Amino acid sequence: MDQPTVGILHPGSMGAAIAACAATNAVEVLWCEAGRSTASVERATRFGLTPVAELAELLERSDIVISLCPPAIAEDLARDVAGRRFAGVYVEANAINPTRVQRIAALLEHGATVVDGGVVGSPPVGGKTPTLYLSGAAAATERVEALFAGTAVRTAVLGTEVGKASALKLAYASFQKTSRVLVALAIGMAREHGVDQELIEVASRRTDSYLAEPEYVAKTAARAWRWGPELEEAADALAAAGLPPEMLRAAASTLARWHDAKDDSELTLTDALGRLAQP
C-alpha cells in the first residue's frame, strides 16, 4: 500500500504525539497553523510536523485526516472539513459519544469515509503505548492500521459499525476518570477529620479494579438498599467539609433504581443491568 500524506487536526499533546507516530508510515504529516497558539507551533515543530497555512491546503494534500481536538468543537471542525469536500479517510478520534460520531459521519458521507476512533491510554511518548480503537468500513480501518504499524500506537478494530470505538472509549473513561474524582472526594473527606493516611492504608490492601469484576454489579444491586443511604450520609459529610456532594448524591440516586433487589442472592448481571436501565 502506498504511503499516504496525513493531516492532523489539531496537534495538542495527544494529537501531536500520535501524528509523530503516523509519520513513520506516511510521506509527511501536515498541520494547519491558522489560528493556533504559540504552544501548538512549538509542539508541532518538536514532533516534526509540516505546517501549512490554511485548512483547505491540508485537506487538498491529505489522504488521511485525523481529528483530535477538544470534544466541544468536533462537529464544527467536521462541518468545516465537509464544506471543503474532503474525499479521503477521516478518523474521528475525539472523546465524543457515538451519536455525535454518527452525525459527523452523516456530514461527511458524500465525500470522505469516516473511521470512528477512540484513544485509550497516555500520549505515545516516553515508552507509553496507547491503543487506538477503530470501527468503520474495513478498507478504511485497514489503512489506519497500516499507518500505525510498528509504532508506539497500537490499533484494534472493533467492527464496521461507526460508534463502537467511541462507545468503548467513553465507557472506559466514565469509570477511569470518575474514579479519580472519587479519590479526591474520599481523601478530602478523610483529611477533614485527620484520617487520610489511615484511609490510604485501608485502600492499599486492595489493588484490583472493580471494572474488571463485572460480576460484582449484581452484588451491588442486592446491597443498594443499604449503600444508597450510606452514600447520602457520605454526601452530607462532604458538604459539611466544604466539598461538592453532587457526585455521591447521583450515585445514591442510581442505587435507588435497585430498591426492589434487596438481598437478592440469585440476581444475575443481566438482571441487574436490566433493572438499572428502567427508572
C-alpha atoms as a PDB file:
ATOM      1  CA  MET A   1       0.000   0.000   0.000  1.00  0.00           C
ATOM      2  CA  ASP A   2       1.412   3.441  -0.935  1.00  0.00           C
ATOM      3  CA  GLN A   3       2.428   5.702   1.909  1.00  0.00           C
ATOM      4  CA  PRO A   4      -0.239   8.384   2.496  1.00  0.00           C
ATOM      5  CA  THR A   5       0.001  12.042   3.352  1.00  0.00           C
ATOM      6  CA  VAL A   6      -1.665  12.641   6.716  1.00  0.00           C
ATOM      7  CA  GLY A   7      -3.269  15.761   8.199  1.00  0.00           C
ATOM      8  CA  ILE A   8      -3.702  16.222  11.962  1.00  0.00           C
ATOM      9  CA  LEU A   9      -6.479  18.411  13.450  1.00  0.00           C
ATOM     10  CA  HIS A  10      -5.215  19.727  15.930  1.00  0.00           C
ATOM     11  CA  PRO A  11      -1.775  18.917  17.383  1.00  0.00           C
ATOM     12  CA  GLY A  12      -2.420  19.022  21.122  1.00  0.00           C
ATOM     13  CA  SER A  13      -0.336  16.861  23.468  1.00  0.00           C
ATOM     14  CA  MET A  14      -2.108  13.680  22.336  1.00  0.00           C
ATOM     15  CA  GLY A  15      -2.605  14.670  18.699  1.00  0.00           C
ATOM     16  CA  ALA A  16       0.975  15.768  18.091  1.00  0.00           C
ATOM     17  CA  ALA A  17       2.429  12.600  19.608  1.00  0.00           C
ATOM     18  CA  ILE A  18       0.083  10.369  17.615  1.00  0.00           C
ATOM     19  CA  ALA A  19       0.845  12.343  14.458  1.00  0.00           C
ATOM     20  CA  ALA A  20       4.567  11.800  15.044  1.00  0.00           C
ATOM     21  CA  CYS A  21       3.941   8.039  15.179  1.00  0.00           C
ATOM     22  CA  ALA A  22       1.923   8.239  11.952  1.00  0.00           C
ATOM     23  CA  ALA A  23       4.915   9.905  10.311  1.00  0.00           C
ATOM     24  CA  THR A  24       6.707   6.545  10.441  1.00  0.00           C
ATOM     25  CA  ASN A  25       4.477   5.212   7.649  1.00  0.00           C
ATOM     26  CA  ALA A  26       3.446   8.461   5.930  1.00  0.00           C
ATOM     27  CA  VAL A  27       5.007  10.623   3.251  1.00  0.00           C
ATOM     28  CA  GLU A  28       4.538  13.562   5.614  1.00  0.00           C
ATOM     29  CA  VAL A  29       2.188  14.743   8.357  1.00  0.00           C
ATOM     30  CA  LEU A  30       0.607  18.167   7.885  1.00  0.00           C
ATOM     31  CA  TRP A  31      -0.955  20.540  10.370  1.00  0.00           C
ATOM     32  CA  CYS A  32      -2.663  23.897   9.884  1.00  0.00           C
ATOM     33  CA  GLU A  33      -1.045  26.928  11.552  1.00  0.00           C
ATOM     34  CA  ALA A  34      -4.012  29.281  11.103  1.00  0.00           C
ATOM     35  CA  GLY A  35      -5.371  30.461  14.448  1.00  0.00           C
ATOM     36  CA  ARG A  36      -3.176  28.164  16.535  1.00  0.00           C
ATOM     37  CA  SER A  37      -1.268  29.181  19.660  1.00  0.00           C
ATOM     38  CA  THR A  38       2.466  29.571  20.153  1.00  0.00           C
ATOM     39  CA  ALA A  39       2.387  26.404  22.234  1.00  0.00           C
ATOM     40  CA  SER A  40       0.854  24.499  19.296  1.00  0.00           C
ATOM     41  CA  VAL A  41       3.556  25.807  16.958  1.00  0.00           C
ATOM     42  CA  GLU A  42       6.299  24.749  19.356  1.00  0.00           C
ATOM     43  CA  ARG A  43       4.723  21.322  19.861  1.00  0.00           C
ATOM     44  CA  ALA A  44       4.256  20.676  16.153  1.00  0.00           C
ATOM     45  CA  THR A  45       7.835  21.731  15.474  1.00  0.00           C
ATOM     46  CA  ARG A  46       9.147  19.470  18.222  1.00  0.00           C
ATOM     47  CA  PHE A  47       7.324  16.480  16.740  1.00  0.00           C
ATOM     48  CA  GLY A  48       8.478  17.226  13.204  1.00  0.00           C
ATOM     49  CA  LEU A  49       5.093  18.054  11.681  1.00  0.00           C
ATOM     50  CA  THR A  50       4.866  20.024   8.426  1.00  0.00           C
ATOM     51  CA  PRO A  51       2.963  23.339   8.666  1.00  0.00           C
ATOM     52  CA  VAL A  52       0.512  24.573   6.060  1.00  0.00           C
ATOM     53  CA  ALA A  53      -1.160  27.973   6.070  1.00  0.00           C
ATOM     54  CA  GLU A  54      -4.814  27.013   5.592  1.00  0.00           C
ATOM     55  CA  LEU A  55      -7.169  24.106   6.274  1.00  0.00           C
ATOM     56  CA  ALA A  56      -8.041  23.935   2.570  1.00  0.00           C
ATOM     57  CA  GLU A  57      -4.419  23.143   1.698  1.00  0.00           C
ATOM     58  CA  LEU A  58      -4.177  20.468   4.383  1.00  0.00           C
ATOM     59  CA  LEU A  59      -7.324  18.765   3.094  1.00  0.00           C
ATOM     60  CA  GLU A  60      -6.295  19.013  -0.530  1.00  0.00           C
ATOM     61  CA  ARG A  61      -2.945  17.334   0.133  1.00  0.00           C
ATOM     62  CA  SER A  62      -4.027  14.726   2.719  1.00  0.00           C
ATOM     63  CA  ASP A  63      -5.176  11.164   2.087  1.00  0.00           C
ATOM     64  CA  ILE A  64      -5.980  10.587   5.755  1.00  0.00           C
ATOM     65  CA  VAL A  65      -7.071  13.239   8.253  1.00  0.00           C
ATOM     66  CA  ILE A  66      -7.045  12.588  11.993  1.00  0.00           C
ATOM     67  CA  SER A  67      -9.274  14.774  14.151  1.00  0.00           C
ATOM     68  CA  LEU A  68      -8.040  15.063  17.749  1.00  0.00           C
ATOM     69  CA  CYS A  69      -9.429  18.274  19.179  1.00  0.00           C
ATOM     70  CA  PRO A  70     -11.427  19.469  22.214  1.00  0.00           C
ATOM     71  CA  PRO A  71     -14.702  17.470  22.167  1.00  0.00           C
ATOM     72  CA  ALA A  72     -16.853  20.598  22.096  1.00  0.00           C
ATOM     73  CA  ILE A  73     -15.629  21.642  18.644  1.00  0.00           C
ATOM     74  CA  ALA A  74     -15.502  18.204  16.984  1.00  0.00           C
ATOM     75  CA  GLU A  75     -18.681  18.685  14.939  1.00  0.00           C
ATOM     76  CA  ASP A  76     -17.857  22.246  13.914  1.00  0.00           C
ATOM     77  CA  LEU A  77     -14.457  21.069  12.702  1.00  0.00           C
ATOM     78  CA  ALA A  78     -16.030  18.189  10.767  1.00  0.00           C
ATOM     79  CA  ARG A  79     -18.503  20.639   9.235  1.00  0.00           C
ATOM     80  CA  ASP A  80     -15.593  22.789   8.034  1.00  0.00           C
ATOM     81  CA  VAL A  81     -13.976  19.708   6.511  1.00  0.00           C
ATOM     82  CA  ALA A  82     -17.219  18.656   4.833  1.00  0.00           C
ATOM     83  CA  GLY A  83     -17.635  22.131   3.398  1.00  0.00           C
ATOM     84  CA  ARG A  84     -14.297  21.783   1.641  1.00  0.00           C
ATOM     85  CA  ARG A  85     -15.322  18.427   0.107  1.00  0.00           C
ATOM     86  CA  PHE A  86     -12.556  16.319   1.612  1.00  0.00           C
ATOM     87  CA  ALA A  87     -12.675  12.882  -0.041  1.00  0.00           C
ATOM     88  CA  GLY A  88     -10.169  10.799   1.928  1.00  0.00           C
ATOM     89  CA  VAL A  89     -10.318   8.861   5.201  1.00  0.00           C
ATOM     90  CA  TYR A  90     -11.448  10.990   8.157  1.00  0.00           C
ATOM     91  CA  VAL A  91     -10.505   9.485  11.532  1.00  0.00           C
ATOM     92  CA  GLU A  92     -12.870  10.951  14.120  1.00  0.00           C
ATOM     93  CA  ALA A  93     -10.731  10.196  17.187  1.00  0.00           C
ATOM     94  CA  ASN A  94     -12.208  12.641  19.684  1.00  0.00           C
ATOM     95  CA  ALA A  95     -13.727  11.687  23.029  1.00  0.00           C
ATOM     96  CA  ILE A  96     -17.330  12.169  21.910  1.00  0.00           C
ATOM     97  CA  ASN A  97     -20.402   9.985  22.198  1.00  0.00           C
ATOM     98  CA  PRO A  98     -21.495   7.561  19.467  1.00  0.00           C
ATOM     99  CA  THR A  99     -24.462   9.689  18.411  1.00  0.00           C
ATOM    100  CA  ARG A 100     -22.191  12.639  17.692  1.00  0.00           C
ATOM    101  CA  VAL A 101     -19.821  10.412  15.729  1.00  0.00           C
ATOM    102  CA  GLN A 102     -22.713   9.206  13.612  1.00  0.00           C
ATOM    103  CA  ARG A 103     -23.764  12.813  12.969  1.00  0.00           C
ATOM    104  CA  ILE A 104     -20.224  13.565  11.822  1.00  0.00           C
ATOM    105  CA  ALA A 105     -20.300  10.528   9.550  1.00  0.00           C
ATOM    106  CA  ALA A 106     -23.524  11.849   8.030  1.00  0.00           C
ATOM    107  CA  LEU A 107     -21.935  15.280   7.481  1.00  0.00           C
ATOM    108  CA  LEU A 108     -19.089  13.709   5.534  1.00  0.00           C
ATOM    109  CA  GLU A 109     -20.928  10.852   3.804  1.00  0.00           C
ATOM    110  CA  HIS A 110     -20.889  12.441   0.333  1.00  0.00           C
ATOM    111  CA  GLY A 111     -17.098  12.671   0.232  1.00  0.00           C
ATOM    112  CA  ALA A 112     -14.980  11.224   3.000  1.00  0.00           C
ATOM    113  CA  THR A 113     -15.012   7.794   4.612  1.00  0.00           C
ATOM    114  CA  VAL A 114     -15.343   8.221   8.374  1.00  0.00           C
ATOM    115  CA  VAL A 115     -13.496   5.896  10.726  1.00  0.00           C
ATOM    116  CA  ASP A 116     -14.597   6.071  14.353  1.00  0.00           C
ATOM    117  CA  GLY A 117     -11.591   6.167  16.676  1.00  0.00           C
ATOM    118  CA  GLY A 118     -11.057   6.121  20.415  1.00  0.00           C
ATOM    119  CA  VAL A 119      -7.669   6.504  22.092  1.00  0.00           C
ATOM    120  CA  VAL A 120      -7.236   4.676  25.404  1.00  0.00           C
ATOM    121  CA  GLY A 121      -4.035   5.446  27.249  1.00  0.00           C
ATOM    122  CA  SER A 122      -1.483   8.237  27.554  1.00  0.00           C
ATOM    123  CA  PRO A 123       0.238  10.023  24.632  1.00  0.00           C
ATOM    124  CA  PRO A 124       2.804   7.750  22.939  1.00  0.00           C
ATOM    125  CA  VAL A 125       5.932   9.316  24.416  1.00  0.00           C
ATOM    126  CA  GLY A 126       8.438   8.068  26.976  1.00  0.00           C
ATOM    127  CA  GLY A 127       7.614   4.412  26.378  1.00  0.00           C
ATOM    128  CA  LYS A 128       3.819   4.821  26.612  1.00  0.00           C
ATOM    129  CA  THR A 129       1.811   2.687  24.166  1.00  0.00           C
ATOM    130  CA  PRO A 130      -1.828   3.805  23.867  1.00  0.00           C
ATOM    131  CA  THR A 131      -4.361   1.825  21.858  1.00  0.00           C
ATOM    132  CA  LEU A 132      -6.338   3.442  19.062  1.00  0.00           C
ATOM    133  CA  TYR A 133      -9.609   1.517  18.790  1.00  0.00           C
ATOM    134  CA  LEU A 134     -11.242   1.727  15.378  1.00  0.00           C
ATOM    135  CA  SER A 135     -14.611   0.956  13.827  1.00  0.00           C
ATOM    136  CA  GLY A 136     -15.863   1.609  10.325  1.00  0.00           C
ATOM    137  CA  ALA A 137     -15.529   0.383   6.765  1.00  0.00           C
ATOM    138  CA  ALA A 138     -12.968  -2.407   6.563  1.00  0.00           C
ATOM    139  CA  ALA A 139     -10.885  -0.867   3.784  1.00  0.00           C
ATOM    140  CA  ALA A 140     -10.584   2.397   5.700  1.00  0.00           C
ATOM    141  CA  THR A 141      -9.713   0.835   9.056  1.00  0.00           C
ATOM    142  CA  GLU A 142      -7.066  -1.265   7.313  1.00  0.00           C
ATOM    143  CA  ARG A 143      -5.451   1.924   6.022  1.00  0.00           C
ATOM    144  CA  VAL A 144      -5.369   3.382   9.540  1.00  0.00           C
ATOM    145  CA  GLU A 145      -3.935   0.155  10.947  1.00  0.00           C
ATOM    146  CA  ALA A 146      -1.188   0.261   8.304  1.00  0.00           C
ATOM    147  CA  LEU A 147      -0.464   3.885   9.194  1.00  0.00           C
ATOM    148  CA  PHE A 148       0.448   2.938  12.761  1.00  0.00           C
ATOM    149  CA  ALA A 149       2.063  -0.455  12.107  1.00  0.00           C
ATOM    150  CA  GLY A 150       5.330  -0.809  14.000  1.00  0.00           C
ATOM    151  CA  THR A 151       4.775   2.345  16.085  1.00  0.00           C
ATOM    152  CA  ALA A 152       4.005   3.040  19.739  1.00  0.00           C
ATOM    153  CA  VAL A 153       0.318   3.412  18.843  1.00  0.00           C
ATOM    154  CA  ARG A 154      -1.394   0.048  18.913  1.00  0.00           C
ATOM    155  CA  THR A 155      -4.582  -0.411  16.905  1.00  0.00           C
ATOM    156  CA  ALA A 156      -7.584  -2.662  17.403  1.00  0.00           C
ATOM    157  CA  VAL A 157     -10.574  -2.895  15.056  1.00  0.00           C
ATOM    158  CA  LEU A 158     -13.967  -3.429  16.696  1.00  0.00           C
ATOM    159  CA  GLY A 159     -16.016  -3.941  13.539  1.00  0.00           C
ATOM    160  CA  THR A 160     -17.628  -1.909  10.782  1.00  0.00           C
ATOM    161  CA  GLU A 161     -20.226  -0.023  12.835  1.00  0.00           C
ATOM    162  CA  VAL A 162     -19.330   3.639  13.332  1.00  0.00           C
ATOM    163  CA  GLY A 163     -19.807   4.462  17.023  1.00  0.00           C
ATOM    164  CA  LYS A 164     -18.374   1.316  18.596  1.00  0.00           C
ATOM    165  CA  ALA A 165     -14.900   2.742  19.159  1.00  0.00           C
ATOM    166  CA  SER A 166     -16.296   5.885  20.756  1.00  0.00           C
ATOM    167  CA  ALA A 167     -18.624   3.843  22.952  1.00  0.00           C
ATOM    168  CA  LEU A 168     -15.686   1.819  24.263  1.00  0.00           C
ATOM    169  CA  LYS A 169     -13.628   4.966  24.873  1.00  0.00           C
ATOM    170  CA  LEU A 170     -16.390   6.683  26.838  1.00  0.00           C
ATOM    171  CA  ALA A 171     -17.380   3.550  28.753  1.00  0.00           C
ATOM    172  CA  TYR A 172     -13.810   3.200  29.966  1.00  0.00           C
ATOM    173  CA  ALA A 173     -13.364   6.927  30.581  1.00  0.00           C
ATOM    174  CA  SER A 174     -16.589   7.108  32.589  1.00  0.00           C
ATOM    175  CA  PHE A 175     -15.095   4.704  35.109  1.00  0.00           C
ATOM    176  CA  GLN A 176     -11.444   5.683  34.961  1.00  0.00           C
ATOM    177  CA  LYS A 177     -11.923   9.436  35.198  1.00  0.00           C
ATOM    178  CA  THR A 178     -14.861   9.416  37.616  1.00  0.00           C
ATOM    179  CA  SER A 179     -12.926   7.094  39.919  1.00  0.00           C
ATOM    180  CA  ARG A 180     -10.132   9.686  40.083  1.00  0.00           C
ATOM    181  CA  VAL A 181     -12.647  12.313  41.165  1.00  0.00           C
ATOM    182  CA  LEU A 182     -13.999   9.934  43.790  1.00  0.00           C
ATOM    183  CA  VAL A 183     -10.455   9.508  45.118  1.00  0.00           C
ATOM    184  CA  ALA A 184     -10.209  13.270  45.572  1.00  0.00           C
ATOM    185  CA  LEU A 185     -13.532  13.397  47.425  1.00  0.00           C
ATOM    186  CA  ALA A 186     -12.720  10.417  49.639  1.00  0.00           C
ATOM    187  CA  ILE A 187      -9.298  11.758  50.626  1.00  0.00           C
ATOM    188  CA  GLY A 188     -10.708  15.262  51.086  1.00  0.00           C
ATOM    189  CA  MET A 189     -13.366  13.980  53.483  1.00  0.00           C
ATOM    190  CA  ALA A 190     -10.861  11.838  55.385  1.00  0.00           C
ATOM    191  CA  ARG A 191      -8.348  14.696  55.665  1.00  0.00           C
ATOM    192  CA  GLU A 192     -11.021  16.972  57.113  1.00  0.00           C
ATOM    193  CA  HIS A 193     -11.177  14.532  60.028  1.00  0.00           C
ATOM    194  CA  GLY A 194      -7.463  13.691  60.182  1.00  0.00           C
ATOM    195  CA  VAL A 195      -7.733  10.102  58.941  1.00  0.00           C
ATOM    196  CA  ASP A 196      -6.462  10.415  55.347  1.00  0.00           C
ATOM    197  CA  GLN A 197      -3.341   8.307  55.960  1.00  0.00           C
ATOM    198  CA  GLU A 198      -5.452   5.590  57.538  1.00  0.00           C
ATOM    199  CA  LEU A 199      -7.773   5.684  54.503  1.00  0.00           C
ATOM    200  CA  ILE A 200      -4.828   5.179  52.151  1.00  0.00           C
ATOM    201  CA  GLU A 201      -3.624   2.259  54.271  1.00  0.00           C
ATOM    202  CA  VAL A 202      -7.056   0.609  54.103  1.00  0.00           C
ATOM    203  CA  ALA A 203      -7.225   1.110  50.341  1.00  0.00           C
ATOM    204  CA  SER A 204      -3.715  -0.243  49.783  1.00  0.00           C
ATOM    205  CA  ARG A 205      -4.864  -3.691  50.893  1.00  0.00           C
ATOM    206  CA  ARG A 206      -6.807  -3.992  47.627  1.00  0.00           C
ATOM    207  CA  THR A 207      -5.267  -3.160  44.262  1.00  0.00           C
ATOM    208  CA  ASP A 208      -7.717  -4.820  41.840  1.00  0.00           C
ATOM    209  CA  SER A 209     -10.027  -2.733  39.670  1.00  0.00           C
ATOM    210  CA  TYR A 210     -13.765  -3.142  40.169  1.00  0.00           C
ATOM    211  CA  LEU A 211     -14.122  -2.573  36.437  1.00  0.00           C
ATOM    212  CA  ALA A 212     -12.512  -5.977  35.897  1.00  0.00           C
ATOM    213  CA  GLU A 213     -15.131  -7.615  38.145  1.00  0.00           C
ATOM    214  CA  PRO A 214     -18.486  -7.167  36.364  1.00  0.00           C
ATOM    215  CA  GLU A 215     -19.993  -9.996  38.385  1.00  0.00           C
ATOM    216  CA  TYR A 216     -19.889  -7.653  41.368  1.00  0.00           C
ATOM    217  CA  VAL A 217     -22.604  -5.489  39.787  1.00  0.00           C
ATOM    218  CA  ALA A 218     -25.285  -7.972  40.872  1.00  0.00           C
ATOM    219  CA  LYS A 219     -23.937  -7.936  44.435  1.00  0.00           C
ATOM    220  CA  THR A 220     -24.023  -4.154  44.365  1.00  0.00           C
ATOM    221  CA  ALA A 221     -27.664  -4.213  43.255  1.00  0.00           C
ATOM    222  CA  ALA A 222     -28.591  -6.563  46.079  1.00  0.00           C
ATOM    223  CA  ARG A 223     -26.963  -4.221  48.597  1.00  0.00           C
ATOM    224  CA  ALA A 224     -28.213  -0.985  47.064  1.00  0.00           C
ATOM    225  CA  TRP A 225     -30.910  -0.566  49.704  1.00  0.00           C
ATOM    226  CA  ARG A 226     -28.121  -0.144  52.280  1.00  0.00           C
ATOM    227  CA  TRP A 227     -25.482   1.511  50.128  1.00  0.00           C
ATOM    228  CA  GLY A 228     -27.736   4.321  48.862  1.00  0.00           C
ATOM    229  CA  PRO A 229     -28.453   5.793  52.298  1.00  0.00           C
ATOM    230  CA  GLU A 230     -24.785   5.295  53.205  1.00  0.00           C
ATOM    231  CA  LEU A 231     -23.732   7.429  50.245  1.00  0.00           C
ATOM    232  CA  GLU A 232     -26.295  10.066  51.192  1.00  0.00           C
ATOM    233  CA  GLU A 233     -24.617  10.228  54.599  1.00  0.00           C
ATOM    234  CA  ALA A 234     -21.237  10.484  52.898  1.00  0.00           C
ATOM    235  CA  ALA A 235     -22.578  13.290  50.694  1.00  0.00           C
ATOM    236  CA  ASP A 236     -23.657  15.156  53.810  1.00  0.00           C
ATOM    237  CA  ALA A 237     -20.161  14.710  55.237  1.00  0.00           C
ATOM    238  CA  LEU A 238     -18.648  16.115  52.043  1.00  0.00           C
ATOM    239  CA  ALA A 239     -20.950  19.114  52.168  1.00  0.00           C
ATOM    240  CA  ALA A 240     -20.014  19.724  55.814  1.00  0.00           C
ATOM    241  CA  ALA A 241     -16.346  19.693  54.790  1.00  0.00           C
ATOM    242  CA  GLY A 242     -17.000  22.262  52.055  1.00  0.00           C
ATOM    243  CA  LEU A 243     -16.537  19.654  49.305  1.00  0.00           C
ATOM    244  CA  PRO A 244     -19.010  19.058  46.428  1.00  0.00           C
ATOM    245  CA  PRO A 245     -21.542  16.333  47.349  1.00  0.00           C
ATOM    246  CA  GLU A 246     -23.313  16.021  43.989  1.00  0.00           C
ATOM    247  CA  MET A 247     -21.380  13.006  42.705  1.00  0.00           C
ATOM    248  CA  LEU A 248     -22.281  10.866  45.704  1.00  0.00           C
ATOM    249  CA  ARG A 249     -25.887  12.014  45.616  1.00  0.00           C
ATOM    250  CA  ALA A 250     -26.023  10.982  41.953  1.00  0.00           C
ATOM    251  CA  ALA A 251     -24.578   7.569  42.871  1.00  0.00           C
ATOM    252  CA  ALA A 252     -27.210   7.197  45.591  1.00  0.00           C
ATOM    253  CA  SER A 253     -29.901   8.077  43.051  1.00  0.00           C
ATOM    254  CA  THR A 254     -28.559   5.364  40.744  1.00  0.00           C
ATOM    255  CA  LEU A 255     -28.582   2.816  43.537  1.00  0.00           C
ATOM    256  CA  ALA A 256     -32.227   3.682  44.223  1.00  0.00           C
ATOM    257  CA  ARG A 257     -33.123   2.058  40.889  1.00  0.00           C
ATOM    258  CA  TRP A 258     -32.262  -1.264  42.519  1.00  0.00           C
ATOM    259  CA  HIS A 259     -34.554  -0.731  45.500  1.00  0.00           C
ATOM    260  CA  ASP A 260     -36.537  -3.914  44.766  1.00  0.00           C
ATOM    261  CA  ALA A 261     -33.418  -6.124  44.554  1.00  0.00           C
ATOM    262  CA  LYS A 262     -32.908  -6.151  48.332  1.00  0.00           C
ATOM    263  CA  ASP A 263     -30.630  -9.028  49.361  1.00  0.00           C
ATOM    264  CA  ASP A 264     -31.469 -10.996  46.193  1.00  0.00           C
ATOM    265  CA  SER A 265     -28.661 -13.564  46.114  1.00  0.00           C
ATOM    266  CA  GLU A 266     -29.951 -15.035  42.824  1.00  0.00           C
ATOM    267  CA  LEU A 267     -29.674 -11.787  40.885  1.00  0.00           C
ATOM    268  CA  THR A 268     -27.571 -12.017  37.708  1.00  0.00           C
ATOM    269  CA  LEU A 269     -25.547  -9.338  35.954  1.00  0.00           C
ATOM    270  CA  THR A 270     -28.119  -9.248  33.142  1.00  0.00           C
ATOM    271  CA  ASP A 271     -30.976  -8.820  35.615  1.00  0.00           C
ATOM    272  CA  ALA A 272     -29.151  -6.062  37.482  1.00  0.00           C
ATOM    273  CA  LEU A 273     -28.356  -4.111  34.319  1.00  0.00           C
ATOM    274  CA  GLY A 274     -31.920  -4.533  33.107  1.00  0.00           C
ATOM    275  CA  ARG A 275     -33.288  -3.035  36.318  1.00  0.00           C
ATOM    276  CA  LEU A 276     -30.746  -0.236  36.201  1.00  0.00           C
ATOM    277  CA  ALA A 277     -31.971   0.785  32.743  1.00  0.00           C
ATOM    278  CA  GLN A 278     -35.538   1.253  33.983  1.00  0.00           C
ATOM    279  CA  PRO A 279     -36.376   4.324  36.092  1.00  0.00           C
END
